[in-house]
């Protein structure tokens, strides 16, 4: 039987692996996304890998057609309160 792409169980793949497959299949490059976002291709790569993940930039990627489930969760900047953090003592 010939070896095909469908022989893979993609549910076992990491988010980054699934993103690379999507990017290849969609014919999209970091450079193309960067041009549309006004960023460098390195900045877009870091966004997609989760090294940086501001919510506004992730929203831009989604608007450009990147599936949301292939992107990292937004990171809260250290100077903003984290809504998931337990409340601190009252001041």
C-alpha atoms as a PDB file:
ATOM      1  CA  UNK A   1       0.000   0.000   0.000  1.00  0.00           C
ATOM      2  CA  UNK A   2       1.416   3.426  -0.882  1.00  0.00           C
ATOM      3  CA  UNK A   3       2.456   5.781   1.872  1.00  0.00           C
ATOM      4  CA  UNK A   4       0.186   8.819   2.098  1.00  0.00           C
ATOM      5  CA  UNK A   5      -0.195  11.890   4.271  1.00  0.00           C
ATOM      6  CA  UNK A   6      -3.479  10.498   5.546  1.00  0.00           C
ATOM      7  CA  UNK A   7      -1.596   7.722   7.350  1.00  0.00           C
ATOM      8  CA  UNK A   8      -0.628  10.231  10.068  1.00  0.00           C
ATOM      9  CA  UNK A   9      -2.645  10.802  13.205  1.00  0.00           C
ATOM     10  CA  UNK A  10      -2.416  14.603  13.305  1.00  0.00           C
ATOM     11  CA  UNK A  11      -4.162  14.764  16.686  1.00  0.00           C
ATOM     12  CA  UNK A  12      -0.825  13.687  18.193  1.00  0.00           C
ATOM     13  CA  UNK A  13       1.008  16.589  16.539  1.00  0.00           C
ATOM     14  CA  UNK A  14       1.977  19.738  18.408  1.00  0.00           C
ATOM     15  CA  UNK A  15       0.277  23.035  17.625  1.00  0.00           C
ATOM     16  CA  UNK A  16       3.480  24.206  15.911  1.00  0.00           C
ATOM     17  CA  UNK A  17       3.605  21.104  13.701  1.00  0.00           C
ATOM     18  CA  UNK A  18      -0.033  21.537  12.688  1.00  0.00           C
ATOM     19  CA  UNK A  19       0.651  25.236  11.985  1.00  0.00           C
ATOM     20  CA  UNK A  20       3.580  24.376   9.686  1.00  0.00           C
ATOM     21  CA  UNK A  21       1.417  21.902   7.766  1.00  0.00           C
ATOM     22  CA  UNK A  22      -1.385  24.476   7.460  1.00  0.00           C
ATOM     23  CA  UNK A  23       1.076  27.171   6.321  1.00  0.00           C
ATOM     24  CA  UNK A  24       2.522  24.878   3.659  1.00  0.00           C
ATOM     25  CA  UNK A  25      -0.907  23.704   2.452  1.00  0.00           C
ATOM     26  CA  UNK A  26      -2.275  27.251   2.343  1.00  0.00           C
ATOM     27  CA  UNK A  27       0.818  28.511   0.516  1.00  0.00           C
ATOM     28  CA  UNK A  28       1.380  31.177   3.172  1.00  0.00           C
ATOM     29  CA  UNK A  29       4.784  32.381   4.337  1.00  0.00           C
ATOM     30  CA  UNK A  30       5.934  34.346   7.370  1.00  0.00           C
ATOM     31  CA  UNK A  31       7.112  37.022   4.933  1.00  0.00           C
ATOM     32  CA  UNK A  32       3.660  37.348   3.366  1.00  0.00           C
ATOM     33  CA  UNK A  33       1.939  37.565   6.754  1.00  0.00           C
ATOM     34  CA  UNK A  34       4.559  40.076   7.930  1.00  0.00           C
ATOM     35  CA  UNK A  35       3.996  42.315   4.916  1.00  0.00           C
ATOM     36  CA  UNK A  36       0.248  42.346   5.526  1.00  0.00           C
ATOM     37  CA  UNK A  37       0.740  43.091   9.241  1.00  0.00           C
ATOM     38  CA  UNK A  38       3.504  45.673   8.866  1.00  0.00           C
ATOM     39  CA  UNK A  39       5.961  43.552  10.860  1.00  0.00           C
ATOM     40  CA  UNK A  40       9.193  41.702  10.172  1.00  0.00           C
ATOM     41  CA  UNK A  41       9.026  38.017   9.262  1.00  0.00           C
ATOM     42  CA  UNK A  42      10.975  37.287  12.461  1.00  0.00           C
ATOM     43  CA  UNK A  43       8.300  39.034  14.569  1.00  0.00           C
ATOM     44  CA  UNK A  44       5.543  37.015  12.879  1.00  0.00           C
ATOM     45  CA  UNK A  45       7.485  33.783  13.377  1.00  0.00           C
ATOM     46  CA  UNK A  46       7.835  34.573  17.102  1.00  0.00           C
ATOM     47  CA  UNK A  47       4.091  35.273  17.286  1.00  0.00           C
ATOM     48  CA  UNK A  48       3.202  31.982  15.636  1.00  0.00           C
ATOM     49  CA  UNK A  49       5.625  29.995  17.794  1.00  0.00           C
ATOM     50  CA  UNK A  50       4.340  31.612  20.971  1.00  0.00           C
ATOM     51  CA  UNK A  51       7.562  33.400  21.941  1.00  0.00           C
ATOM     52  CA  UNK A  52       5.489  36.593  21.996  1.00  0.00           C
ATOM     53  CA  UNK A  53       1.725  36.593  21.847  1.00  0.00           C
ATOM     54  CA  UNK A  54      -0.004  39.976  22.254  1.00  0.00           C
ATOM     55  CA  UNK A  55      -3.758  39.539  21.785  1.00  0.00           C
ATOM     56  CA  UNK A  56      -4.030  42.333  19.199  1.00  0.00           C
ATOM     57  CA  UNK A  57      -1.410  40.715  16.932  1.00  0.00           C
ATOM     58  CA  UNK A  58      -2.971  37.266  17.258  1.00  0.00           C
ATOM     59  CA  UNK A  59      -6.312  38.831  16.286  1.00  0.00           C
ATOM     60  CA  UNK A  60      -4.638  40.241  13.160  1.00  0.00           C
ATOM     61  CA  UNK A  61      -3.400  36.769  12.204  1.00  0.00           C
ATOM     62  CA  UNK A  62      -6.898  35.369  12.644  1.00  0.00           C
ATOM     63  CA  UNK A  63      -8.299  38.147  10.418  1.00  0.00           C
ATOM     64  CA  UNK A  64      -5.722  37.149   7.790  1.00  0.00           C
ATOM     65  CA  UNK A  65      -7.100  33.594   7.802  1.00  0.00           C
ATOM     66  CA  UNK A  66      -4.832  31.764  10.243  1.00  0.00           C
ATOM     67  CA  UNK A  67      -6.976  29.242  12.163  1.00  0.00           C
ATOM     68  CA  UNK A  68      -7.268  30.313  15.806  1.00  0.00           C
ATOM     69  CA  UNK A  69      -6.599  26.789  17.122  1.00  0.00           C
ATOM     70  CA  UNK A  70      -3.167  26.860  15.452  1.00  0.00           C
ATOM     71  CA  UNK A  71      -2.090  30.003  17.303  1.00  0.00           C
ATOM     72  CA  UNK A  72      -0.776  30.276  20.864  1.00  0.00           C
ATOM     73  CA  UNK A  73      -2.948  31.657  23.646  1.00  0.00           C
ATOM     74  CA  UNK A  74      -2.504  35.420  24.152  1.00  0.00           C
ATOM     75  CA  UNK A  75       0.074  36.439  26.739  1.00  0.00           C
ATOM     76  CA  UNK A  76      -0.759  39.166  29.229  1.00  0.00           C
ATOM     77  CA  UNK A  77       1.983  41.833  29.396  1.00  0.00           C
ATOM     78  CA  UNK A  78       3.659  41.981  32.802  1.00  0.00           C
ATOM     79  CA  UNK A  79       2.369  45.537  33.391  1.00  0.00           C
ATOM     80  CA  UNK A  80      -1.288  44.460  33.008  1.00  0.00           C
ATOM     81  CA  UNK A  81      -3.281  42.460  35.564  1.00  0.00           C
ATOM     82  CA  UNK A  82      -3.723  38.804  34.723  1.00  0.00           C
ATOM     83  CA  UNK A  83      -7.456  37.995  34.847  1.00  0.00           C
ATOM     84  CA  UNK A  84      -6.644  34.341  35.613  1.00  0.00           C
ATOM     85  CA  UNK A  85      -4.506  35.210  38.645  1.00  0.00           C
ATOM     86  CA  UNK A  86      -6.059  35.029  42.104  1.00  0.00           C
ATOM     87  CA  UNK A  87      -6.793  38.434  43.631  1.00  0.00           C
ATOM     88  CA  UNK A  88      -4.076  39.855  45.831  1.00  0.00           C
ATOM     89  CA  UNK A  89      -4.514  41.339  49.285  1.00  0.00           C
ATOM     90  CA  UNK A  90      -6.643  44.476  49.488  1.00  0.00           C
ATOM     91  CA  UNK A  91      -4.624  47.671  49.594  1.00  0.00           C
END
